[in-house]
Amino acid sequence: MFYLKNFTFKIKMKTKKSLRWALWVYKVINILVLVLFGLFFLMLVYSFIQPNFFQMLIVNDAFEAGFGIGNFRFCTSCTNPDNLYLSDLGIAMKLWLMLRGLIFFVLIFLVLKTVKKILRSIESLSTFYKGNIESFRVLAKYGFWISLLSAFNFFVQGETSVINFTIPFGSIAFALTCLVLSDVFKEGQLLLEDNKSIV
């Protein structure tokens, strides 16, 4: 009996330690997301005020379909005529980049917030199953919205019109996995309730 209690105590201690690490990683990622969004937003706002300030910032990848806002890269010696610079963009395309980036950052922030809720639910076994059923359903919903936004992107300026499409397998897999986990926790809750009723 003493061995069993000691073993249970050690498991709880390891769980709490892992939880603390997970929450610390969550805080770091959350801060990084907020910093990146702030830099992204300020850069685009400043490009409205000083359009020629970012003459060396290439934004071709920002109009590719896929998850996120794409890659922005500085190049002081690039001579490729196909390069598209932030200073070349009109107001409409800058606003589109800002809107798309804002939606992505909000969805990522909501995903992180829901993940934190799941981590917190581990502390209390009585609410573990019930809380996670809803949390994973919410994550699946965010995943499908991310998939929808990742599936397309476009660039329209002057006589140039480009529409890009892709199948965001990663985001779709994330959403489906969350749905499956939601069902798993639902089954777990039913089994837990059956065991309580038997006892």
C-alpha atoms as a PDB file:
ATOM      1  CA  MET A   1       0.000   0.000   0.000  1.00  0.00           C
ATOM      2  CA  PHE A   2       2.829   2.383   0.894  1.00  0.00           C
ATOM      3  CA  TYR A   3       4.603   1.553  -2.399  1.00  0.00           C
ATOM      4  CA  LEU A   4       1.448   2.345  -4.380  1.00  0.00           C
ATOM      5  CA  LYS A   5       0.979   5.707  -2.651  1.00  0.00           C
ATOM      6  CA  ASN A   6       4.636   6.595  -3.187  1.00  0.00           C
ATOM      7  CA  PHE A   7       4.378   5.645  -6.871  1.00  0.00           C
ATOM      8  CA  THR A   8       1.221   7.770  -7.298  1.00  0.00           C
ATOM      9  CA  PHE A   9       2.928  10.721  -5.583  1.00  0.00           C
ATOM     10  CA  LYS A  10       5.911  10.475  -7.954  1.00  0.00           C
ATOM     11  CA  ILE A  11       3.634  10.433 -11.001  1.00  0.00           C
ATOM     12  CA  LYS A  12       1.803  13.530  -9.752  1.00  0.00           C
ATOM     13  CA  MET A  13       5.101  15.333  -9.179  1.00  0.00           C
ATOM     14  CA  LYS A  14       6.329  14.476 -12.686  1.00  0.00           C
ATOM     15  CA  THR A  15       2.994  15.601 -14.145  1.00  0.00           C
ATOM     16  CA  LYS A  16       3.209  18.956 -12.343  1.00  0.00           C
ATOM     17  CA  LYS A  17       6.802  19.439 -13.500  1.00  0.00           C
ATOM     18  CA  SER A  18       5.893  18.635 -17.113  1.00  0.00           C
ATOM     19  CA  LEU A  19       2.918  20.950 -16.854  1.00  0.00           C
ATOM     20  CA  ARG A  20       5.103  23.816 -15.609  1.00  0.00           C
ATOM     21  CA  TRP A  21       7.476  23.313 -18.544  1.00  0.00           C
ATOM     22  CA  ALA A  22       4.591  23.169 -21.008  1.00  0.00           C
ATOM     23  CA  LEU A  23       3.101  26.392 -19.626  1.00  0.00           C
ATOM     24  CA  TRP A  24       6.515  28.072 -19.787  1.00  0.00           C
ATOM     25  CA  VAL A  25       6.873  27.059 -23.451  1.00  0.00           C
ATOM     26  CA  TYR A  26       3.344  28.364 -24.057  1.00  0.00           C
ATOM     27  CA  LYS A  27       4.271  31.763 -22.604  1.00  0.00           C
ATOM     28  CA  VAL A  28       7.415  31.981 -24.745  1.00  0.00           C
ATOM     29  CA  ILE A  29       5.524  31.096 -27.931  1.00  0.00           C
ATOM     30  CA  ASN A  30       2.742  33.519 -27.036  1.00  0.00           C
ATOM     31  CA  ILE A  31       5.240  36.357 -26.565  1.00  0.00           C
ATOM     32  CA  LEU A  32       6.976  35.514 -29.863  1.00  0.00           C
ATOM     33  CA  VAL A  33       3.648  35.563 -31.714  1.00  0.00           C
ATOM     34  CA  LEU A  34       2.733  38.949 -30.236  1.00  0.00           C
ATOM     35  CA  VAL A  35       6.174  40.399 -31.057  1.00  0.00           C
ATOM     36  CA  LEU A  36       6.086  39.090 -34.640  1.00  0.00           C
ATOM     37  CA  PHE A  37       2.573  40.437 -35.154  1.00  0.00           C
ATOM     38  CA  GLY A  38       3.599  43.811 -33.744  1.00  0.00           C
ATOM     39  CA  LEU A  39       6.605  44.040 -36.084  1.00  0.00           C
ATOM     40  CA  PHE A  40       4.533  42.894 -39.059  1.00  0.00           C
ATOM     41  CA  PHE A  41       1.743  45.378 -38.340  1.00  0.00           C
ATOM     42  CA  LEU A  42       4.106  48.306 -37.681  1.00  0.00           C
ATOM     43  CA  MET A  43       6.064  47.546 -40.857  1.00  0.00           C
ATOM     44  CA  LEU A  44       2.948  47.675 -43.010  1.00  0.00           C
ATOM     45  CA  VAL A  45       1.607  50.791 -41.284  1.00  0.00           C
ATOM     46  CA  TYR A  46       4.955  52.547 -41.784  1.00  0.00           C
ATOM     47  CA  SER A  47       4.931  51.533 -45.457  1.00  0.00           C
ATOM     48  CA  PHE A  48       1.802  53.673 -45.866  1.00  0.00           C
ATOM     49  CA  ILE A  49       3.588  56.667 -44.355  1.00  0.00           C
ATOM     50  CA  GLN A  50       6.948  56.129 -46.112  1.00  0.00           C
ATOM     51  CA  PRO A  51       6.275  53.941 -49.183  1.00  0.00           C
ATOM     52  CA  ASN A  52       9.895  54.061 -50.407  1.00  0.00           C
ATOM     53  CA  PHE A  53      11.416  53.040 -47.079  1.00  0.00           C
ATOM     54  CA  PHE A  54      11.171  49.303 -47.873  1.00  0.00           C
ATOM     55  CA  GLN A  55      12.619  49.338 -51.372  1.00  0.00           C
ATOM     56  CA  MET A  56      14.795  46.302 -50.638  1.00  0.00           C
ATOM     57  CA  LEU A  57      12.128  44.160 -48.932  1.00  0.00           C
ATOM     58  CA  ILE A  58      11.010  41.337 -51.241  1.00  0.00           C
ATOM     59  CA  VAL A  59       7.435  40.143 -50.636  1.00  0.00           C
ATOM     60  CA  ASN A  60       6.821  37.575 -53.410  1.00  0.00           C
ATOM     61  CA  ASP A  61       6.188  34.766 -50.898  1.00  0.00           C
ATOM     62  CA  ALA A  62       3.589  36.841 -49.061  1.00  0.00           C
ATOM     63  CA  PHE A  63       1.159  36.243 -51.927  1.00  0.00           C
ATOM     64  CA  GLU A  64       1.692  32.478 -52.125  1.00  0.00           C
ATOM     65  CA  ALA A  65      -1.079  30.217 -50.818  1.00  0.00           C
ATOM     66  CA  GLY A  66      -0.313  28.427 -47.575  1.00  0.00           C
ATOM     67  CA  PHE A  67      -0.217  28.866 -43.832  1.00  0.00           C
ATOM     68  CA  GLY A  68       1.014  32.164 -42.447  1.00  0.00           C
ATOM     69  CA  ILE A  69       2.149  35.412 -44.008  1.00  0.00           C
ATOM     70  CA  GLY A  70       5.015  34.034 -46.093  1.00  0.00           C
ATOM     71  CA  ASN A  71       8.633  35.139 -46.074  1.00  0.00           C
ATOM     72  CA  PHE A  72       9.795  38.745 -46.165  1.00  0.00           C
ATOM     73  CA  ARG A  73      13.468  39.132 -47.041  1.00  0.00           C
ATOM     74  CA  PHE A  74      15.832  42.038 -47.475  1.00  0.00           C
ATOM     75  CA  CYS A  75      18.122  42.019 -50.500  1.00  0.00           C
ATOM     76  CA  THR A  76      20.402  44.920 -51.377  1.00  0.00           C
ATOM     77  CA  SER A  77      21.919  43.399 -54.508  1.00  0.00           C
ATOM     78  CA  CYS A  78      19.023  41.504 -56.106  1.00  0.00           C
ATOM     79  CA  THR A  79      18.422  42.264 -59.781  1.00  0.00           C
ATOM     80  CA  ASN A  80      15.766  39.683 -60.619  1.00  0.00           C
ATOM     81  CA  PRO A  81      12.993  41.496 -62.540  1.00  0.00           C
ATOM     82  CA  ASP A  82      10.427  39.088 -61.077  1.00  0.00           C
ATOM     83  CA  ASN A  83      11.088  40.313 -57.553  1.00  0.00           C
ATOM     84  CA  LEU A  84       8.199  42.150 -55.949  1.00  0.00           C
ATOM     85  CA  TYR A  85       9.101  44.753 -53.338  1.00  0.00           C
ATOM     86  CA  LEU A  86       6.936  46.136 -50.558  1.00  0.00           C
ATOM     87  CA  SER A  87       7.496  49.640 -51.925  1.00  0.00           C
ATOM     88  CA  ASP A  88       5.919  48.510 -55.240  1.00  0.00           C
ATOM     89  CA  LEU A  89       2.632  47.479 -53.662  1.00  0.00           C
ATOM     90  CA  GLY A  90      -0.471  49.604 -53.925  1.00  0.00           C
ATOM     91  CA  ILE A  91      -2.731  50.419 -51.001  1.00  0.00           C
ATOM     92  CA  ALA A  92      -5.193  47.591 -51.773  1.00  0.00           C
ATOM     93  CA  MET A  93      -2.506  44.874 -51.679  1.00  0.00           C
ATOM     94  CA  LYS A  94      -0.976  46.273 -48.490  1.00  0.00           C
ATOM     95  CA  LEU A  95      -4.408  46.238 -46.877  1.00  0.00           C
ATOM     96  CA  TRP A  96      -4.918  42.634 -48.044  1.00  0.00           C
ATOM     97  CA  LEU A  97      -1.586  41.596 -46.504  1.00  0.00           C
ATOM     98  CA  MET A  98      -2.547  43.363 -43.283  1.00  0.00           C
ATOM     99  CA  LEU A  99      -6.006  41.740 -43.154  1.00  0.00           C
ATOM    100  CA  ARG A 100      -4.707  38.256 -43.969  1.00  0.00           C
ATOM    101  CA  GLY A 101      -1.914  38.579 -41.435  1.00  0.00           C
ATOM    102  CA  LEU A 102      -4.314  39.863 -38.772  1.00  0.00           C
ATOM    103  CA  ILE A 103      -6.690  36.912 -39.279  1.00  0.00           C
ATOM    104  CA  PHE A 104      -3.818  34.419 -39.095  1.00  0.00           C
ATOM    105  CA  PHE A 105      -2.372  35.966 -35.943  1.00  0.00           C
ATOM    106  CA  VAL A 106      -5.797  36.075 -34.247  1.00  0.00           C
ATOM    107  CA  LEU A 107      -6.439  32.409 -35.095  1.00  0.00           C
ATOM    108  CA  ILE A 108      -2.981  31.402 -33.844  1.00  0.00           C
ATOM    109  CA  PHE A 109      -3.563  33.363 -30.618  1.00  0.00           C
ATOM    110  CA  LEU A 110      -6.936  31.621 -30.122  1.00  0.00           C
ATOM    111  CA  VAL A 111      -5.353  28.213 -30.747  1.00  0.00           C
ATOM    112  CA  LEU A 112      -2.659  28.948 -28.160  1.00  0.00           C
ATOM    113  CA  LYS A 113      -5.264  30.140 -25.671  1.00  0.00           C
ATOM    114  CA  THR A 114      -7.255  26.915 -26.113  1.00  0.00           C
ATOM    115  CA  VAL A 115      -4.085  24.814 -25.741  1.00  0.00           C
ATOM    116  CA  LYS A 116      -3.429  26.600 -22.451  1.00  0.00           C
ATOM    117  CA  LYS A 117      -6.951  25.712 -21.326  1.00  0.00           C
ATOM    118  CA  ILE A 118      -6.249  22.042 -22.106  1.00  0.00           C
ATOM    119  CA  LEU A 119      -2.994  22.148 -20.158  1.00  0.00           C
ATOM    120  CA  ARG A 120      -4.746  23.731 -17.196  1.00  0.00           C
ATOM    121  CA  SER A 121      -7.451  21.051 -17.282  1.00  0.00           C
ATOM    122  CA  ILE A 122      -4.838  18.376 -16.543  1.00  0.00           C
ATOM    123  CA  GLU A 123      -4.598  19.762 -12.992  1.00  0.00           C
ATOM    124  CA  SER A 124      -8.147  18.612 -12.240  1.00  0.00           C
ATOM    125  CA  LEU A 125      -9.141  15.094 -13.294  1.00  0.00           C
ATOM    126  CA  SER A 126     -12.805  15.779 -12.547  1.00  0.00           C
ATOM    127  CA  THR A 127     -12.994  18.354 -15.351  1.00  0.00           C
ATOM    128  CA  PHE A 128     -10.363  16.735 -17.586  1.00  0.00           C
ATOM    129  CA  TYR A 129     -12.688  14.892 -19.952  1.00  0.00           C
ATOM    130  CA  LYS A 130     -15.578  17.352 -20.058  1.00  0.00           C
ATOM    131  CA  GLY A 131     -13.376  20.388 -20.636  1.00  0.00           C
ATOM    132  CA  ASN A 132     -11.235  18.783 -23.322  1.00  0.00           C
ATOM    133  CA  ILE A 133     -14.172  17.542 -25.375  1.00  0.00           C
ATOM    134  CA  GLU A 134     -15.192  21.139 -25.994  1.00  0.00           C
ATOM    135  CA  SER A 135     -11.620  22.430 -26.251  1.00  0.00           C
ATOM    136  CA  PHE A 136     -10.626  19.984 -28.981  1.00  0.00           C
ATOM    137  CA  ARG A 137     -13.820  20.770 -30.900  1.00  0.00           C
ATOM    138  CA  VAL A 138     -12.918  24.451 -30.729  1.00  0.00           C
ATOM    139  CA  LEU A 139      -9.380  23.671 -31.926  1.00  0.00           C
ATOM    140  CA  ALA A 140     -10.820  21.697 -34.835  1.00  0.00           C
ATOM    141  CA  LYS A 141     -12.968  24.687 -35.768  1.00  0.00           C
ATOM    142  CA  TYR A 142      -9.940  26.981 -35.719  1.00  0.00           C
ATOM    143  CA  GLY A 143      -8.029  24.401 -37.763  1.00  0.00           C
ATOM    144  CA  PHE A 144     -10.670  24.383 -40.483  1.00  0.00           C
ATOM    145  CA  TRP A 145     -10.696  28.196 -40.612  1.00  0.00           C
ATOM    146  CA  ILE A 146      -6.911  28.197 -40.911  1.00  0.00           C
ATOM    147  CA  SER A 147      -7.175  25.586 -43.686  1.00  0.00           C
ATOM    148  CA  LEU A 148      -9.680  27.720 -45.567  1.00  0.00           C
ATOM    149  CA  LEU A 149      -7.512  30.833 -45.367  1.00  0.00           C
ATOM    150  CA  SER A 150      -4.373  28.860 -46.237  1.00  0.00           C
ATOM    151  CA  ALA A 151      -5.953  27.341 -49.347  1.00  0.00           C
ATOM    152  CA  PHE A 152      -5.757  30.524 -51.427  1.00  0.00           C
ATOM    153  CA  ASN A 153      -4.024  33.836 -51.877  1.00  0.00           C
ATOM    154  CA  PHE A 154      -3.989  36.422 -54.624  1.00  0.00           C
ATOM    155  CA  PHE A 155      -2.201  39.419 -56.047  1.00  0.00           C
ATOM    156  CA  VAL A 156      -4.049  42.003 -58.148  1.00  0.00           C
ATOM    157  CA  GLN A 157      -2.381  45.234 -59.179  1.00  0.00           C
ATOM    158  CA  GLY A 158      -2.593  47.125 -62.445  1.00  0.00           C
ATOM    159  CA  GLU A 159      -2.744  44.624 -65.309  1.00  0.00           C
ATOM    160  CA  THR A 160      -1.304  41.788 -63.201  1.00  0.00           C
ATOM    161  CA  SER A 161      -3.654  39.271 -61.600  1.00  0.00           C
ATOM    162  CA  VAL A 162      -2.442  36.103 -59.909  1.00  0.00           C
ATOM    163  CA  ILE A 163      -4.531  33.683 -57.856  1.00  0.00           C
ATOM    164  CA  ASN A 164      -2.740  30.878 -55.992  1.00  0.00           C
ATOM    165  CA  PHE A 165      -4.361  27.733 -54.619  1.00  0.00           C
ATOM    166  CA  THR A 166      -3.040  24.860 -52.522  1.00  0.00           C
ATOM    167  CA  ILE A 167      -4.322  22.037 -50.322  1.00  0.00           C
ATOM    168  CA  PRO A 168      -3.216  22.768 -46.742  1.00  0.00           C
ATOM    169  CA  PHE A 169      -2.700  19.163 -45.632  1.00  0.00           C
ATOM    170  CA  GLY A 170      -1.085  20.156 -42.350  1.00  0.00           C
ATOM    171  CA  SER A 171      -3.952  22.379 -41.203  1.00  0.00           C
ATOM    172  CA  ILE A 172      -6.570  19.842 -42.323  1.00  0.00           C
ATOM    173  CA  ALA A 173      -4.738  17.039 -40.492  1.00  0.00           C
ATOM    174  CA  PHE A 174      -4.589  19.221 -37.363  1.00  0.00           C
ATOM    175  CA  ALA A 175      -8.344  19.878 -37.490  1.00  0.00           C
ATOM    176  CA  LEU A 176      -9.220  16.206 -38.066  1.00  0.00           C
ATOM    177  CA  THR A 177      -6.875  15.080 -35.277  1.00  0.00           C
ATOM    178  CA  CYS A 178      -8.580  17.482 -32.871  1.00  0.00           C
ATOM    179  CA  LEU A 179     -11.999  16.084 -33.848  1.00  0.00           C
ATOM    180  CA  VAL A 180     -10.765  12.539 -33.216  1.00  0.00           C
ATOM    181  CA  LEU A 181      -9.321  13.540 -29.827  1.00  0.00           C
ATOM    182  CA  SER A 182     -12.616  15.183 -28.930  1.00  0.00           C
ATOM    183  CA  ASP A 183     -14.414  11.875 -29.591  1.00  0.00           C
ATOM    184  CA  VAL A 184     -11.754   9.985 -27.615  1.00  0.00           C
ATOM    185  CA  PHE A 185     -12.286  12.209 -24.578  1.00  0.00           C
ATOM    186  CA  LYS A 186     -16.053  11.872 -24.993  1.00  0.00           C
ATOM    187  CA  GLU A 187     -15.742   8.097 -24.883  1.00  0.00           C
ATOM    188  CA  GLY A 188     -13.439   8.446 -21.885  1.00  0.00           C
ATOM    189  CA  GLN A 189     -16.029  10.550 -20.093  1.00  0.00           C
ATOM    190  CA  LEU A 190     -18.749   7.945 -20.759  1.00  0.00           C
ATOM    191  CA  LEU A 191     -16.505   5.166 -19.424  1.00  0.00           C
ATOM    192  CA  LEU A 192     -15.701   7.235 -16.335  1.00  0.00           C
ATOM    193  CA  GLU A 193     -19.401   7.853 -15.689  1.00  0.00           C
ATOM    194  CA  ASP A 194     -20.164   4.132 -16.144  1.00  0.00           C
ATOM    195  CA  ASN A 195     -17.450   3.192 -13.649  1.00  0.00           C
ATOM    196  CA  LYS A 196     -18.806   5.691 -11.111  1.00  0.00           C
ATOM    197  CA  SER A 197     -22.341   4.343 -11.516  1.00  0.00           C
ATOM    198  CA  ILE A 198     -21.112   0.768 -10.987  1.00  0.00           C
ATOM    199  CA  VAL A 199     -19.196   1.736  -7.847  1.00  0.00           C
END
